[in-house]
């Protein structure tokens, strides 16, 4: 569940980044703030058991990819170059995750 928390934190990151662009009402701004708090809470919780460098790279990579893709879904121009760069970004993030060993005594969840 350690890496699951990072994935969920990245989803909340996409939520708050998109909220900064699209929030217009008090309810939408409140949801944006909740996403910020949830994202950083889960990220901080994961830093206690995962290597910080890899954790942050995975978190920001997933957040960036999710934000770009959701932006395209919501009407931003779809460009093949952007999609190829997202694939490269996610390949690098996945490579980092796969080559980083867990701390001794921990089991993969």
PDB file of N, CA and C in Angstrom:
ATOM      1  N   UNK A   1       0.818  -1.208   0.000  1.00  0.00           N
ATOM      2  CA  UNK A   1       0.000   0.000   0.000  1.00  0.00           C
ATOM      3  C   UNK A   1       0.860   1.268   0.000  1.00  0.00           C
ATOM      4  N   UNK A   2       2.178   1.101   0.253  1.00  0.00           N
ATOM      5  CA  UNK A   2       3.043   2.277   0.286  1.00  0.00           C
ATOM      6  C   UNK A   2       3.007   3.023  -1.038  1.00  0.00           C
ATOM      7  N   UNK A   3       3.202   2.302  -2.135  1.00  0.00           N
ATOM      8  CA  UNK A   3       3.169   2.945  -3.450  1.00  0.00           C
ATOM      9  C   UNK A   3       1.746   3.295  -3.850  1.00  0.00           C
ATOM     10  N   UNK A   4       0.774   2.600  -3.302  1.00  0.00           N
ATOM     11  CA  UNK A   4      -0.629   2.952  -3.538  1.00  0.00           C
ATOM     12  C   UNK A   4      -0.949   4.332  -2.995  1.00  0.00           C
ATOM     13  N   UNK A   5      -0.383   4.663  -1.830  1.00  0.00           N
ATOM     14  CA  UNK A   5      -0.559   6.010  -1.270  1.00  0.00           C
ATOM     15  C   UNK A   5       0.020   7.074  -2.195  1.00  0.00           C
ATOM     16  N   UNK A   6       1.142   6.756  -2.823  1.00  0.00           N
ATOM     17  CA  UNK A   6       1.760   7.711  -3.752  1.00  0.00           C
ATOM     18  C   UNK A   6       0.858   7.913  -4.967  1.00  0.00           C
ATOM     19  N   UNK A   7       0.291   6.835  -5.474  1.00  0.00           N
ATOM     20  CA  UNK A   7      -0.635   6.933  -6.616  1.00  0.00           C
ATOM     21  C   UNK A   7      -1.858   7.770  -6.253  1.00  0.00           C
ATOM     22  N   UNK A   8      -2.430   7.521  -5.093  1.00  0.00           N
ATOM     23  CA  UNK A   8      -3.603   8.293  -4.657  1.00  0.00           C
ATOM     24  C   UNK A   8      -3.228   9.761  -4.440  1.00  0.00           C
ATOM     25  N   UNK A   9      -2.043  10.000  -3.867  1.00  0.00           N
ATOM     26  CA  UNK A   9      -1.574  11.379  -3.679  1.00  0.00           C
ATOM     27  C   UNK A   9      -1.427  12.088  -5.021  1.00  0.00           C
ATOM     28  N   UNK A  10      -0.940  11.374  -6.029  1.00  0.00           N
ATOM     29  CA  UNK A  10      -0.788  11.967  -7.366  1.00  0.00           C
ATOM     30  C   UNK A  10      -2.154  12.287  -7.982  1.00  0.00           C
ATOM     31  N   UNK A  11      -3.136  11.450  -7.726  1.00  0.00           N
ATOM     32  CA  UNK A  11      -4.498  11.724  -8.224  1.00  0.00           C
ATOM     33  C   UNK A  11      -5.036  12.987  -7.565  1.00  0.00           C
ATOM     34  N   UNK A  12      -4.820  13.118  -6.265  1.00  0.00           N
ATOM     35  CA  UNK A  12      -5.240  14.348  -5.585  1.00  0.00           C
ATOM     36  C   UNK A  12      -4.460  15.559  -6.104  1.00  0.00           C
ATOM     37  N   UNK A  13      -3.192  15.345  -6.465  1.00  0.00           N
ATOM     38  CA  UNK A  13      -2.413  16.445  -7.031  1.00  0.00           C
ATOM     39  C   UNK A  13      -3.038  16.935  -8.335  1.00  0.00           C
ATOM     40  N   UNK A  14      -3.428  16.005  -9.190  1.00  0.00           N
ATOM     41  CA  UNK A  14      -4.103  16.386 -10.432  1.00  0.00           C
ATOM     42  C   UNK A  14      -5.368  17.171 -10.110  1.00  0.00           C
ATOM     43  N   UNK A  15      -6.090  16.727  -9.086  1.00  0.00           N
ATOM     44  CA  UNK A  15      -7.324  17.415  -8.685  1.00  0.00           C
ATOM     45  C   UNK A  15      -7.083  18.844  -8.267  1.00  0.00           C
ATOM     46  N   UNK A  16      -6.048  19.077  -7.458  1.00  0.00           N
ATOM     47  CA  UNK A  16      -5.842  20.459  -7.003  1.00  0.00           C
ATOM     48  C   UNK A  16      -5.237  21.338  -8.085  1.00  0.00           C
ATOM     49  N   UNK A  17      -4.392  20.770  -8.938  1.00  0.00           N
ATOM     50  CA  UNK A  17      -3.836  21.578 -10.031  1.00  0.00           C
ATOM     51  C   UNK A  17      -4.951  22.004 -10.988  1.00  0.00           C
ATOM     52  N   UNK A  18      -5.825  21.070 -11.328  1.00  0.00           N
ATOM     53  CA  UNK A  18      -6.942  21.422 -12.214  1.00  0.00           C
ATOM     54  C   UNK A  18      -7.914  22.362 -11.500  1.00  0.00           C
ATOM     55  N   UNK A  19      -8.050  22.189 -10.188  1.00  0.00           N
ATOM     56  CA  UNK A  19      -8.906  23.084  -9.416  1.00  0.00           C
ATOM     57  C   UNK A  19      -8.410  24.520  -9.451  1.00  0.00           C
ATOM     58  N   UNK A  20      -7.086  24.694  -9.470  1.00  0.00           N
ATOM     59  CA  UNK A  20      -6.553  26.054  -9.555  1.00  0.00           C
ATOM     60  C   UNK A  20      -6.974  26.740 -10.851  1.00  0.00           C
ATOM     61  N   UNK A  21      -7.154  25.966 -11.903  1.00  0.00           N
ATOM     62  CA  UNK A  21      -7.538  26.546 -13.190  1.00  0.00           C
ATOM     63  C   UNK A  21      -9.048  26.716 -13.315  1.00  0.00           C
ATOM     64  N   UNK A  22      -9.808  25.734 -12.834  1.00  0.00           N
ATOM     65  CA  UNK A  22     -11.240  25.702 -13.124  1.00  0.00           C
ATOM     66  C   UNK A  22     -12.155  26.076 -11.969  1.00  0.00           C
ATOM     67  N   UNK A  23     -11.642  26.245 -10.765  1.00  0.00           N
ATOM     68  CA  UNK A  23     -12.504  26.549  -9.618  1.00  0.00           C
ATOM     69  C   UNK A  23     -13.020  27.984  -9.702  1.00  0.00           C
ATOM     70  N   UNK A  24     -14.340  28.124  -9.554  1.00  0.00           N
ATOM     71  CA  UNK A  24     -14.958  29.452  -9.590  1.00  0.00           C
ATOM     72  C   UNK A  24     -15.856  29.714  -8.384  1.00  0.00           C
ATOM     73  N   UNK A  25     -16.396  28.653  -7.795  1.00  0.00           N
ATOM     74  CA  UNK A  25     -17.289  28.835  -6.652  1.00  0.00           C
ATOM     75  C   UNK A  25     -16.560  28.450  -5.360  1.00  0.00           C
ATOM     76  N   UNK A  26     -17.159  28.814  -4.246  1.00  0.00           N
ATOM     77  CA  UNK A  26     -16.582  28.486  -2.945  1.00  0.00           C
ATOM     78  C   UNK A  26     -16.480  26.966  -2.758  1.00  0.00           C
ATOM     79  N   UNK A  27     -17.461  26.226  -3.238  1.00  0.00           N
ATOM     80  CA  UNK A  27     -17.441  24.766  -3.130  1.00  0.00           C
ATOM     81  C   UNK A  27     -16.270  24.185  -3.931  1.00  0.00           C
ATOM     82  N   UNK A  28     -16.055  24.696  -5.138  1.00  0.00           N
ATOM     83  CA  UNK A  28     -14.959  24.206  -5.966  1.00  0.00           C
ATOM     84  C   UNK A  28     -13.599  24.553  -5.345  1.00  0.00           C
ATOM     85  N   UNK A  29     -13.486  25.761  -4.779  1.00  0.00           N
ATOM     86  CA  UNK A  29     -12.241  26.134  -4.105  1.00  0.00           C
ATOM     87  C   UNK A  29     -12.024  25.274  -2.858  1.00  0.00           C
ATOM     88  N   UNK A  30     -13.110  24.954  -2.165  1.00  0.00           N
ATOM     89  CA  UNK A  30     -12.996  24.090  -0.983  1.00  0.00           C
ATOM     90  C   UNK A  30     -12.509  22.699  -1.381  1.00  0.00           C
ATOM     91  N   UNK A  31     -13.029  22.180  -2.482  1.00  0.00           N
ATOM     92  CA  UNK A  31     -12.586  20.871  -2.969  1.00  0.00           C
ATOM     93  C   UNK A  31     -11.116  20.917  -3.368  1.00  0.00           C
ATOM     94  N   UNK A  32     -10.680  22.032  -3.936  1.00  0.00           N
ATOM     95  CA  UNK A  32      -9.279  22.200  -4.302  1.00  0.00           C
ATOM     96  C   UNK A  32      -8.392  22.164  -3.064  1.00  0.00           C
ATOM     97  N   UNK A  33      -8.804  22.847  -2.016  1.00  0.00           N
ATOM     98  CA  UNK A  33      -8.038  22.858  -0.767  1.00  0.00           C
ATOM     99  C   UNK A  33      -7.987  21.457  -0.158  1.00  0.00           C
ATOM    100  N   UNK A  34      -9.101  20.746  -0.192  1.00  0.00           N
ATOM    101  CA  UNK A  34      -9.131  19.369   0.323  1.00  0.00           C
ATOM    102  C   UNK A  34      -8.148  18.498  -0.462  1.00  0.00           C
ATOM    103  N   UNK A  35      -8.112  18.671  -1.778  1.00  0.00           N
ATOM    104  CA  UNK A  35      -7.170  17.908  -2.609  1.00  0.00           C
ATOM    105  C   UNK A  35      -5.726  18.232  -2.252  1.00  0.00           C
ATOM    106  N   UNK A  36      -5.423  19.498  -1.997  1.00  0.00           N
ATOM    107  CA  UNK A  36      -4.061  19.891  -1.599  1.00  0.00           C
ATOM    108  C   UNK A  36      -3.680  19.203  -0.294  1.00  0.00           C
ATOM    109  N   UNK A  37      -4.563  19.272   0.683  1.00  0.00           N
ATOM    110  CA  UNK A  37      -4.285  18.679   1.996  1.00  0.00           C
ATOM    111  C   UNK A  37      -4.117  17.165   1.880  1.00  0.00           C
ATOM    112  N   UNK A  38      -5.024  16.504   1.165  1.00  0.00           N
ATOM    113  CA  UNK A  38      -4.952  15.049   1.013  1.00  0.00           C
ATOM    114  C   UNK A  38      -3.681  14.637   0.276  1.00  0.00           C
ATOM    115  N   UNK A  39      -3.355  15.365  -0.777  1.00  0.00           N
ATOM    116  CA  UNK A  39      -2.172  15.045  -1.564  1.00  0.00           C
ATOM    117  C   UNK A  39      -0.907  15.117  -0.714  1.00  0.00           C
ATOM    118  N   UNK A  40      -0.735  16.207   0.007  1.00  0.00           N
ATOM    119  CA  UNK A  40       0.476  16.367   0.795  1.00  0.00           C
ATOM    120  C   UNK A  40       0.494  15.469   2.030  1.00  0.00           C
ATOM    121  N   UNK A  41      -0.653  15.173   2.602  1.00  0.00           N
ATOM    122  CA  UNK A  41      -0.705  14.240   3.733  1.00  0.00           C
ATOM    123  C   UNK A  41      -0.221  12.855   3.291  1.00  0.00           C
ATOM    124  N   UNK A  42      -0.759  12.372   2.183  1.00  0.00           N
ATOM    125  CA  UNK A  42      -0.361  11.051   1.695  1.00  0.00           C
ATOM    126  C   UNK A  42       1.108  11.026   1.284  1.00  0.00           C
ATOM    127  N   UNK A  43       1.575  12.116   0.701  1.00  0.00           N
ATOM    128  CA  UNK A  43       2.982  12.202   0.311  1.00  0.00           C
ATOM    129  C   UNK A  43       3.879  12.166   1.550  1.00  0.00           C
ATOM    130  N   UNK A  44       3.550  12.938   2.570  1.00  0.00           N
ATOM    131  CA  UNK A  44       4.346  12.951   3.798  1.00  0.00           C
ATOM    132  C   UNK A  44       4.330  11.588   4.484  1.00  0.00           C
ATOM    133  N   UNK A  45       3.178  10.929   4.463  1.00  0.00           N
ATOM    134  CA  UNK A  45       3.071   9.604   5.074  1.00  0.00           C
ATOM    135  C   UNK A  45       3.988   8.606   4.353  1.00  0.00           C
ATOM    136  N   UNK A  46       4.058   8.712   3.033  1.00  0.00           N
ATOM    137  CA  UNK A  46       4.886   7.795   2.257  1.00  0.00           C
ATOM    138  C   UNK A  46       6.377   8.056   2.445  1.00  0.00           C
ATOM    139  N   UNK A  47       6.764   9.301   2.744  1.00  0.00           N
ATOM    140  CA  UNK A  47       8.194   9.607   2.904  1.00  0.00           C
ATOM    141  C   UNK A  47       8.811   8.904   4.106  1.00  0.00           C
ATOM    142  N   UNK A  48       7.995   8.458   5.028  1.00  0.00           N
ATOM    143  CA  UNK A  48       8.555   7.786   6.202  1.00  0.00           C
ATOM    144  C   UNK A  48       9.014   6.362   5.895  1.00  0.00           C
ATOM    145  N   UNK A  49       8.569   5.786   4.784  1.00  0.00           N
ATOM    146  CA  UNK A  49       8.926   4.395   4.481  1.00  0.00           C
ATOM    147  C   UNK A  49       9.515   4.186   3.096  1.00  0.00           C
ATOM    148  N   UNK A  50       9.522   5.193   2.249  1.00  0.00           N
ATOM    149  CA  UNK A  50      10.036   5.039   0.889  1.00  0.00           C
ATOM    150  C   UNK A  50      11.201   6.003   0.655  1.00  0.00           C
ATOM    151  N   UNK A  51      12.095   5.658  -0.272  1.00  0.00           N
ATOM    152  CA  UNK A  51      13.206   6.561  -0.601  1.00  0.00           C
ATOM    153  C   UNK A  51      12.669   7.875  -1.174  1.00  0.00           C
ATOM    154  N   UNK A  52      13.054   8.983  -0.577  1.00  0.00           N
ATOM    155  CA  UNK A  52      12.454  10.276  -0.895  1.00  0.00           C
ATOM    156  C   UNK A  52      12.682  10.679  -2.345  1.00  0.00           C
ATOM    157  N   UNK A  53      13.872  10.482  -2.883  1.00  0.00           N
ATOM    158  CA  UNK A  53      14.150  10.893  -4.256  1.00  0.00           C
ATOM    159  C   UNK A  53      13.261  10.185  -5.263  1.00  0.00           C
ATOM    160  N   UNK A  54      13.179   8.879  -5.138  1.00  0.00           N
ATOM    161  CA  UNK A  54      12.336   8.104  -6.053  1.00  0.00           C
ATOM    162  C   UNK A  54      10.870   8.420  -5.821  1.00  0.00           C
ATOM    163  N   UNK A  55      10.485   8.522  -4.574  1.00  0.00           N
ATOM    164  CA  UNK A  55       9.097   8.846  -4.228  1.00  0.00           C
ATOM    165  C   UNK A  55       8.662  10.149  -4.888  1.00  0.00           C
ATOM    166  N   UNK A  56       9.490  11.172  -4.751  1.00  0.00           N
ATOM    167  CA  UNK A  56       9.118  12.479  -5.303  1.00  0.00           C
ATOM    168  C   UNK A  56       9.088  12.449  -6.829  1.00  0.00           C
ATOM    169  N   UNK A  57      10.020  11.734  -7.442  1.00  0.00           N
ATOM    170  CA  UNK A  57      10.021  11.613  -8.903  1.00  0.00           C
ATOM    171  C   UNK A  57       8.765  10.911  -9.399  1.00  0.00           C
ATOM    172  N   UNK A  58       8.380   9.844  -8.719  1.00  0.00           N
ATOM    173  CA  UNK A  58       7.157   9.118  -9.102  1.00  0.00           C
ATOM    174  C   UNK A  58       5.932  10.013  -8.904  1.00  0.00           C
ATOM    175  N   UNK A  59       5.864  10.677  -7.762  1.00  0.00           N
ATOM    176  CA  UNK A  59       4.728  11.545  -7.443  1.00  0.00           C
ATOM    177  C   UNK A  59       4.579  12.661  -8.472  1.00  0.00           C
ATOM    178  N   UNK A  60       5.656  13.377  -8.749  1.00  0.00           N
ATOM    179  CA  UNK A  60       5.550  14.489  -9.691  1.00  0.00           C
ATOM    180  C   UNK A  60       5.350  14.008 -11.121  1.00  0.00           C
ATOM    181  N   UNK A  61       5.958  12.879 -11.465  1.00  0.00           N
ATOM    182  CA  UNK A  61       5.765  12.333 -12.812  1.00  0.00           C
ATOM    183  C   UNK A  61       4.325  11.932 -13.067  1.00  0.00           C
ATOM    184  N   UNK A  62       3.744  11.218 -12.102  1.00  0.00           N
ATOM    185  CA  UNK A  62       2.340  10.819 -12.242  1.00  0.00           C
ATOM    186  C   UNK A  62       1.418  12.033 -12.242  1.00  0.00           C
ATOM    187  N   UNK A  63       1.719  12.991 -11.366  1.00  0.00           N
ATOM    188  CA  UNK A  63       0.906  14.208 -11.315  1.00  0.00           C
ATOM    189  C   UNK A  63       0.978  15.004 -12.607  1.00  0.00           C
ATOM    190  N   UNK A  64       2.179  15.124 -13.151  1.00  0.00           N
ATOM    191  CA  UNK A  64       2.355  15.851 -14.405  1.00  0.00           C
ATOM    192  C   UNK A  64       1.632  15.154 -15.548  1.00  0.00           C
ATOM    193  N   UNK A  65       1.831  13.853 -15.666  1.00  0.00           N
ATOM    194  CA  UNK A  65       1.175  13.095 -16.731  1.00  0.00           C
ATOM    195  C   UNK A  65      -0.342  13.192 -16.603  1.00  0.00           C
ATOM    196  N   UNK A  66      -0.842  13.021 -15.391  1.00  0.00           N
ATOM    197  CA  UNK A  66      -2.291  13.096 -15.175  1.00  0.00           C
ATOM    198  C   UNK A  66      -2.856  14.463 -15.499  1.00  0.00           C
ATOM    199  N   UNK A  67      -2.126  15.506 -15.141  1.00  0.00           N
ATOM    200  CA  UNK A  67      -2.591  16.870 -15.404  1.00  0.00           C
ATOM    201  C   UNK A  67      -2.628  17.154 -16.903  1.00  0.00           C
ATOM    202  N   UNK A  68      -1.589  16.747 -17.623  1.00  0.00           N
ATOM    203  CA  UNK A  68      -1.549  16.972 -19.067  1.00  0.00           C
ATOM    204  C   UNK A  68      -2.665  16.192 -19.761  1.00  0.00           C
ATOM    205  N   UNK A  69      -2.837  14.937 -19.386  1.00  0.00           N
ATOM    206  CA  UNK A  69      -3.867  14.107 -20.024  1.00  0.00           C
ATOM    207  C   UNK A  69      -5.259  14.633 -19.706  1.00  0.00           C
ATOM    208  N   UNK A  70      -5.520  14.982 -18.445  1.00  0.00           N
ATOM    209  CA  UNK A  70      -6.832  15.525 -18.096  1.00  0.00           C
ATOM    210  C   UNK A  70      -7.072  16.858 -18.802  1.00  0.00           C
ATOM    211  N   UNK A  71      -6.031  17.670 -18.935  1.00  0.00           N
ATOM    212  CA  UNK A  71      -6.160  18.923 -19.675  1.00  0.00           C
ATOM    213  C   UNK A  71      -6.593  18.674 -21.107  1.00  0.00           C
ATOM    214  N   UNK A  72      -6.020  17.652 -21.730  1.00  0.00           N
ATOM    215  CA  UNK A  72      -6.412  17.304 -23.100  1.00  0.00           C
ATOM    216  C   UNK A  72      -7.858  16.829 -23.157  1.00  0.00           C
ATOM    217  N   UNK A  73      -8.256  16.055 -22.161  1.00  0.00           N
ATOM    218  CA  UNK A  73      -9.646  15.574 -22.107  1.00  0.00           C
ATOM    219  C   UNK A  73     -10.610  16.754 -21.961  1.00  0.00           C
ATOM    220  N   UNK A  74     -10.180  17.782 -21.242  1.00  0.00           N
ATOM    221  CA  UNK A  74     -11.052  18.938 -20.982  1.00  0.00           C
ATOM    222  C   UNK A  74     -10.935  20.038 -22.043  1.00  0.00           C
ATOM    223  N   UNK A  75     -10.248  19.756 -23.136  1.00  0.00           N
ATOM    224  CA  UNK A  75     -10.288  20.702 -24.243  1.00  0.00           C
ATOM    225  C   UNK A  75      -8.984  21.324 -24.680  1.00  0.00           C
ATOM    226  N   UNK A  76      -7.892  21.073 -23.982  1.00  0.00           N
ATOM    227  CA  UNK A  76      -6.615  21.586 -24.452  1.00  0.00           C
ATOM    228  C   UNK A  76      -6.206  20.810 -25.700  1.00  0.00           C
ATOM    229  N   UNK A  77      -5.396  21.409 -26.566  1.00  0.00           N
ATOM    230  CA  UNK A  77      -5.033  20.730 -27.814  1.00  0.00           C
ATOM    231  C   UNK A  77      -4.292  19.409 -27.562  1.00  0.00           C
ATOM    232  N   UNK A  78      -4.677  18.392 -28.306  1.00  0.00           N
ATOM    233  CA  UNK A  78      -4.015  17.092 -28.236  1.00  0.00           C
ATOM    234  C   UNK A  78      -2.900  17.104 -29.278  1.00  0.00           C
ATOM    235  N   UNK A  79      -1.688  16.855 -28.821  1.00  0.00           N
ATOM    236  CA  UNK A  79      -0.545  16.824 -29.728  1.00  0.00           C
ATOM    237  C   UNK A  79       0.208  15.517 -29.534  1.00  0.00           C
ATOM    238  N   UNK A  80       0.569  14.890 -30.634  1.00  0.00           N
ATOM    239  CA  UNK A  80       1.297  13.621 -30.582  1.00  0.00           C
ATOM    240  C   UNK A  80       2.602  13.796 -29.808  1.00  0.00           C
ATOM    241  N   UNK A  81       3.280  14.916 -30.005  1.00  0.00           N
ATOM    242  CA  UNK A  81       4.541  15.161 -29.304  1.00  0.00           C
ATOM    243  C   UNK A  81       4.324  15.145 -27.795  1.00  0.00           C
ATOM    244  N   UNK A  82       3.251  15.777 -27.325  1.00  0.00           N
ATOM    245  CA  UNK A  82       2.952  15.772 -25.882  1.00  0.00           C
ATOM    246  C   UNK A  82       2.744  14.350 -25.385  1.00  0.00           C
ATOM    247  N   UNK A  83       1.995  13.569 -26.148  1.00  0.00           N
ATOM    248  CA  UNK A  83       1.723  12.188 -25.732  1.00  0.00           C
ATOM    249  C   UNK A  83       3.000  11.355 -25.696  1.00  0.00           C
ATOM    250  N   UNK A  84       3.870  11.536 -26.685  1.00  0.00           N
ATOM    251  CA  UNK A  84       5.152  10.813 -26.690  1.00  0.00           C
ATOM    252  C   UNK A  84       6.030  11.222 -25.509  1.00  0.00           C
ATOM    253  N   UNK A  85       6.029  12.507 -25.188  1.00  0.00           N
ATOM    254  CA  UNK A  85       6.815  12.974 -24.045  1.00  0.00           C
ATOM    255  C   UNK A  85       6.255  12.436 -22.724  1.00  0.00           C
ATOM    256  N   UNK A  86       4.936  12.323 -22.627  1.00  0.00           N
ATOM    257  CA  UNK A  86       4.330  11.727 -21.427  1.00  0.00           C
ATOM    258  C   UNK A  86       4.751  10.260 -21.305  1.00  0.00           C
ATOM    259  N   UNK A  87       4.766   9.543 -22.421  1.00  0.00           N
ATOM    260  CA  UNK A  87       5.217   8.142 -22.398  1.00  0.00           C
ATOM    261  C   UNK A  87       6.675   8.062 -21.944  1.00  0.00           C
ATOM    262  N   UNK A  88       7.524   8.970 -22.454  1.00  0.00           N
ATOM    263  CA  UNK A  88       8.929   8.995 -22.023  1.00  0.00           C
ATOM    264  C   UNK A  88       9.043   9.300 -20.528  1.00  0.00           C
ATOM    265  N   UNK A  89       8.260  10.271 -20.064  1.00  0.00           N
ATOM    266  CA  UNK A  89       8.270  10.636 -18.650  1.00  0.00           C
ATOM    267  C   UNK A  89       7.875   9.448 -17.782  1.00  0.00           C
ATOM    268  N   UNK A  90       6.784   8.801 -18.135  1.00  0.00           N
ATOM    269  CA  UNK A  90       6.316   7.662 -17.341  1.00  0.00           C
ATOM    270  C   UNK A  90       7.292   6.490 -17.411  1.00  0.00           C
ATOM    271  N   UNK A  91       7.970   6.317 -18.557  1.00  0.00           N
ATOM    272  CA  UNK A  91       8.987   5.259 -18.667  1.00  0.00           C
ATOM    273  C   UNK A  91      10.140   5.527 -17.702  1.00  0.00           C
ATOM    274  N   UNK A  92      10.569   6.781 -17.625  1.00  0.00           N
ATOM    275  CA  UNK A  92      11.634   7.138 -16.697  1.00  0.00           C
ATOM    276  C   UNK A  92      11.225   6.951 -15.252  1.00  0.00           C
ATOM    277  N   UNK A  93      10.015   7.349 -14.928  1.00  0.00           N
ATOM    278  CA  UNK A  93       9.505   7.196 -13.562  1.00  0.00           C
ATOM    279  C   UNK A  93       9.406   5.715 -13.203  1.00  0.00           C
ATOM    280  N   UNK A  94       8.875   4.917 -14.119  1.00  0.00           N
ATOM    281  CA  UNK A  94       8.767   3.480 -13.874  1.00  0.00           C
ATOM    282  C   UNK A  94      10.155   2.858 -13.708  1.00  0.00           C
ATOM    283  N   UNK A  95      11.097   3.278 -14.543  1.00  0.00           N
ATOM    284  CA  UNK A  95      12.466   2.779 -14.416  1.00  0.00           C
ATOM    285  C   UNK A  95      13.071   3.114 -13.067  1.00  0.00           C
ATOM    286  N   UNK A  96      12.868   4.336 -12.598  1.00  0.00           N
ATOM    287  CA  UNK A  96      13.360   4.725 -11.274  1.00  0.00           C
ATOM    288  C   UNK A  96      12.755   3.857 -10.184  1.00  0.00           C
ATOM    289  N   UNK A  97      11.464   3.643 -10.279  1.00  0.00           N
ATOM    290  CA  UNK A  97      10.772   2.854  -9.259  1.00  0.00           C
ATOM    291  C   UNK A  97      11.282   1.414  -9.254  1.00  0.00           C
ATOM    292  N   UNK A  98      11.480   0.860 -10.440  1.00  0.00           N
ATOM    293  CA  UNK A  98      11.912  -0.536 -10.532  1.00  0.00           C
ATOM    294  C   UNK A  98      13.362  -0.740 -10.094  1.00  0.00           C
ATOM    295  N   UNK A  99      14.196   0.276 -10.222  1.00  0.00           N
ATOM    296  CA  UNK A  99      15.603   0.124  -9.850  1.00  0.00           C
ATOM    297  C   UNK A  99      15.916   0.578  -8.433  1.00  0.00           C
ATOM    298  N   UNK A 100      14.930   1.069  -7.725  1.00  0.00           N
ATOM    299  CA  UNK A 100      15.136   1.513  -6.349  1.00  0.00           C
ATOM    300  C   UNK A 100      14.769   0.383  -5.404  1.00  0.00           C
ATOM    301  N   UNK A 101      15.712   0.039  -4.529  1.00  0.00           N
ATOM    302  CA  UNK A 101      15.436  -1.034  -3.582  1.00  0.00           C
ATOM    303  C   UNK A 101      14.733  -0.482  -2.353  1.00  0.00           C
ATOM    304  N   UNK A 102      13.929  -1.335  -1.751  1.00  0.00           N
ATOM    305  CA  UNK A 102      13.231  -0.974  -0.514  1.00  0.00           C
ATOM    306  C   UNK A 102      14.228  -0.977   0.636  1.00  0.00           C
ATOM    307  N   UNK A 103      13.869  -0.297   1.726  1.00  0.00           N
ATOM    308  CA  UNK A 103      14.701  -0.318   2.927  1.00  0.00           C
ATOM    309  C   UNK A 103      14.716  -1.726   3.494  1.00  0.00           C
ATOM    310  N   UNK A 104      15.819  -2.095   4.133  1.00  0.00           N
ATOM    311  CA  UNK A 104      15.925  -3.424   4.744  1.00  0.00           C
ATOM    312  C   UNK A 104      14.818  -3.649   5.756  1.00  0.00           C
ATOM    313  N   UNK A 105      14.246  -4.866   5.737  1.00  0.00           N
ATOM    314  CA  UNK A 105      13.239  -5.220   6.715  1.00  0.00           C
ATOM    315  C   UNK A 105      11.829  -4.840   6.301  1.00  0.00           C
ATOM    316  N   UNK A 106      11.683  -4.189   5.170  1.00  0.00           N
ATOM    317  CA  UNK A 106      10.350  -3.826   4.713  1.00  0.00           C
ATOM    318  C   UNK A 106       9.898  -4.810   3.664  1.00  0.00           C
ATOM    319  N   UNK A 107       8.618  -5.023   3.593  1.00  0.00           N
ATOM    320  CA  UNK A 107       8.054  -5.875   2.556  1.00  0.00           C
ATOM    321  C   UNK A 107       7.247  -5.027   1.611  1.00  0.00           C
ATOM    322  N   UNK A 108       7.213  -5.435   0.360  1.00  0.00           N
ATOM    323  CA  UNK A 108       6.453  -4.709  -0.653  1.00  0.00           C
ATOM    324  C   UNK A 108       4.962  -4.897  -0.395  1.00  0.00           C
ATOM    325  N   UNK A 109       4.223  -3.802  -0.395  1.00  0.00           N
ATOM    326  CA  UNK A 109       2.773  -3.881  -0.189  1.00  0.00           C
ATOM    327  C   UNK A 109       2.051  -3.487  -1.441  1.00  0.00           C
TER     328      UNK A 109
END
